[in-house]
């Protein structure tokens, strides 16, 4: 009897979970900063931070200041230690920094910016599909990216793409 669910399916599920977690950790501050700076839109028992629009913009963009720092050497690190370990460390440390941000936000927006830069630096793992063999990578990347993008984008507006193929 042929197995229907193999190890490559487990890999794809793990890669999908890592990509989803990475995007969630990357974008969560966009939602949290509204509650952190406007008490009327959040729980009134939590502190409100007096950050102006410029400071909020710096906090939101700080992740992307750190993101390119390890882009060049991440592949070498993955070759030395393995992609699975690198992705595990990246997701775990970024998650822990996300938990720490509300606790250290009292120190000021500059501290939050530093933590967001660290998140960007740590979330620079190599390509997630390095777990898979060469013949399986092409289909996985296309299927995975299609699933993520179509899930995030919602239905396609026919007025934008008036073709029968979509």
Protein backbone atom coordinates (compact mmCIF):
# COMPACT_ATOMS: atom_id res chain seq x y z
CA UNK A 1 0.00 0.00 0.00
CA UNK A 2 1.35 3.38 -1.01
CA UNK A 3 1.77 6.01 1.67
CA UNK A 4 -0.26 9.14 0.98
CA UNK A 5 1.21 11.34 3.70
CA UNK A 6 5.01 11.33 3.60
CA UNK A 7 7.89 13.18 5.19
CA UNK A 8 7.81 15.85 2.49
CA UNK A 9 4.27 16.72 3.58
CA UNK A 10 5.53 17.16 7.13
CA UNK A 11 8.28 19.43 5.79
CA UNK A 12 5.81 21.53 3.84
CA UNK A 13 3.57 21.88 6.91
CA UNK A 14 6.58 22.90 9.00
CA UNK A 15 7.76 25.40 6.38
CA UNK A 16 4.26 26.83 6.06
CA UNK A 17 4.05 27.18 9.85
CA UNK A 18 7.45 28.90 9.99
CA UNK A 19 6.53 31.34 7.22
CA UNK A 20 3.17 32.10 8.83
CA UNK A 21 4.80 32.65 12.21
CA UNK A 22 7.48 34.85 10.65
CA UNK A 23 4.92 37.11 8.99
CA UNK A 24 2.81 37.24 12.14
CA UNK A 25 5.80 38.25 14.26
CA UNK A 26 6.81 40.78 11.62
CA UNK A 27 3.43 42.48 11.40
CA UNK A 28 2.03 42.24 14.94
CA UNK A 29 3.40 45.63 15.99
CA UNK A 30 1.20 47.28 13.37
CA UNK A 31 -1.83 46.17 15.38
CA UNK A 32 -0.31 46.50 18.85
CA UNK A 33 0.89 50.06 18.42
CA UNK A 34 -2.69 51.28 18.01
CA UNK A 35 -3.64 49.82 21.39
CA UNK A 36 -0.40 51.02 22.99
CA UNK A 37 -0.94 54.65 21.99
CA UNK A 38 -4.72 55.08 22.22
CA UNK A 39 -6.37 53.99 25.45
CA UNK A 40 -9.87 54.44 24.02
CA UNK A 41 -9.22 51.62 21.51
CA UNK A 42 -7.72 49.20 24.03
CA UNK A 43 -8.09 47.96 27.56
CA UNK A 44 -8.14 51.10 29.75
CA UNK A 45 -6.17 49.33 32.51
CA UNK A 46 -3.01 49.15 30.41
CA UNK A 47 -0.66 52.13 30.11
CA UNK A 48 -0.88 54.47 27.16
CA UNK A 49 2.39 55.57 25.59
CA UNK A 50 2.74 59.18 24.40
CA UNK A 51 4.42 58.39 21.11
CA UNK A 52 3.83 60.85 18.26
CA UNK A 53 3.41 59.83 14.62
CA UNK A 54 7.14 60.10 13.89
CA UNK A 55 8.05 57.82 16.80
CA UNK A 56 5.35 55.32 15.83
CA UNK A 57 6.67 55.31 12.26
CA UNK A 58 10.20 54.64 13.48
CA UNK A 59 8.98 51.75 15.64
CA UNK A 60 7.08 50.22 12.73
CA UNK A 61 9.98 50.57 10.29
CA UNK A 62 12.72 49.50 12.74
CA UNK A 63 12.17 45.81 11.94
CA UNK A 64 13.16 46.43 8.34
CA UNK A 65 16.31 48.33 9.36
CA UNK A 66 17.65 45.14 10.92
CA UNK A 67 16.33 42.68 8.36
CA UNK A 68 19.07 43.06 5.71
CA UNK A 69 21.96 42.85 8.21
CA UNK A 70 22.36 39.06 8.08
CA UNK A 71 21.00 38.47 4.57
CA UNK A 72 24.43 37.88 3.08
CA UNK A 73 25.88 35.61 5.76
CA UNK A 74 22.69 33.71 6.70
CA UNK A 75 23.42 31.11 4.04
CA UNK A 76 26.88 30.46 5.46
CA UNK A 77 25.44 30.17 8.96
CA UNK A 78 22.83 27.70 7.69
CA UNK A 79 25.51 25.61 5.97
CA UNK A 80 27.51 25.43 9.18
CA UNK A 81 24.69 24.77 11.67
CA UNK A 82 21.80 23.62 9.47
CA UNK A 83 18.70 25.42 8.23
CA UNK A 84 16.35 23.78 10.73
CA UNK A 85 18.39 24.96 13.70
CA UNK A 86 18.74 28.46 12.27
CA UNK A 87 15.01 28.78 11.62
CA UNK A 88 14.22 27.41 15.09
CA UNK A 89 16.55 29.92 16.77
CA UNK A 90 15.22 32.77 14.59
CA UNK A 91 11.55 32.08 15.33
CA UNK A 92 12.09 31.37 19.05
CA UNK A 93 14.21 34.45 19.69
CA UNK A 94 11.91 36.70 17.67
CA UNK A 95 8.92 35.38 19.60
CA UNK A 96 10.66 36.03 22.93
CA UNK A 97 11.52 39.57 21.87
CA UNK A 98 7.86 40.09 20.96
CA UNK A 99 6.87 39.04 24.48
CA UNK A 100 9.46 41.39 26.02
CA UNK A 101 8.44 44.51 24.05
CA UNK A 102 5.40 45.47 26.21
CA UNK A 103 7.46 45.01 29.38
CA UNK A 104 10.25 47.30 28.18
CA UNK A 105 8.07 49.87 26.40
CA UNK A 106 8.10 52.03 29.55
CA UNK A 107 11.78 52.71 28.82
CA UNK A 108 10.73 54.69 25.77
CA UNK A 109 10.21 54.30 22.07
CA UNK A 110 13.98 54.06 21.44
CA UNK A 111 14.08 50.78 23.42
CA UNK A 112 11.19 49.43 21.38
CA UNK A 113 13.04 50.44 18.20
CA UNK A 114 16.15 48.54 19.34
CA UNK A 115 14.07 45.43 20.07
CA UNK A 116 12.39 45.68 16.66
CA UNK A 117 15.80 46.02 14.97
CA UNK A 118 16.95 42.89 16.83
CA UNK A 119 13.81 41.11 15.62
CA UNK A 120 14.67 42.06 12.07
CA UNK A 121 18.26 40.85 12.43
CA UNK A 122 17.17 37.54 13.96
CA UNK A 123 14.44 36.89 11.40
CA UNK A 124 16.85 36.63 8.51
CA UNK A 125 17.07 32.86 8.07
CA UNK A 126 17.91 31.35 4.71
CA UNK A 127 15.33 30.11 2.29
CA UNK A 128 12.85 27.89 4.10
CA UNK A 129 12.86 25.22 1.41
CA UNK A 130 16.49 24.24 2.04
CA UNK A 131 15.03 21.28 3.95
CA UNK A 132 13.74 19.75 0.74
CA UNK A 133 15.64 17.97 -2.01
CA UNK A 134 16.20 19.76 -5.31
CA UNK A 135 13.40 18.01 -7.20
CA UNK A 136 10.83 18.89 -4.53
CA UNK A 137 11.81 22.55 -4.04
CA UNK A 138 10.25 24.01 -7.18
CA UNK A 139 6.74 22.72 -6.59
CA UNK A 140 6.87 23.43 -2.88
CA UNK A 141 7.89 27.05 -3.36
CA UNK A 142 5.18 27.69 -5.91
CA UNK A 143 2.46 25.89 -3.95
CA UNK A 144 3.50 27.41 -0.62
CA UNK A 145 3.82 30.95 -1.90
CA UNK A 146 0.53 30.68 -3.79
CA UNK A 147 -1.23 29.46 -0.65
CA UNK A 148 0.21 32.22 1.53
CA UNK A 149 -0.43 35.03 -0.94
CA UNK A 150 -3.93 33.92 -1.88
CA UNK A 151 -4.84 33.47 1.78
CA UNK A 152 -3.65 36.97 2.66
CA UNK A 153 -5.04 38.77 -0.34
CA UNK A 154 -8.61 37.60 -0.34
CA UNK A 155 -10.64 37.24 -3.51
CA UNK A 156 -9.33 38.81 -6.70
CA UNK A 157 -11.32 41.79 -7.92
CA UNK A 158 -12.37 41.06 -11.52
CA UNK A 159 -12.29 44.77 -12.38
CA UNK A 160 -8.53 44.83 -11.74
CA UNK A 161 -7.73 41.63 -13.67
CA UNK A 162 -10.48 41.28 -16.30
CA UNK A 163 -9.37 37.91 -17.66
CA UNK A 164 -11.00 34.53 -17.73
CA UNK A 165 -7.89 32.83 -16.35
CA UNK A 166 -8.24 34.17 -12.81
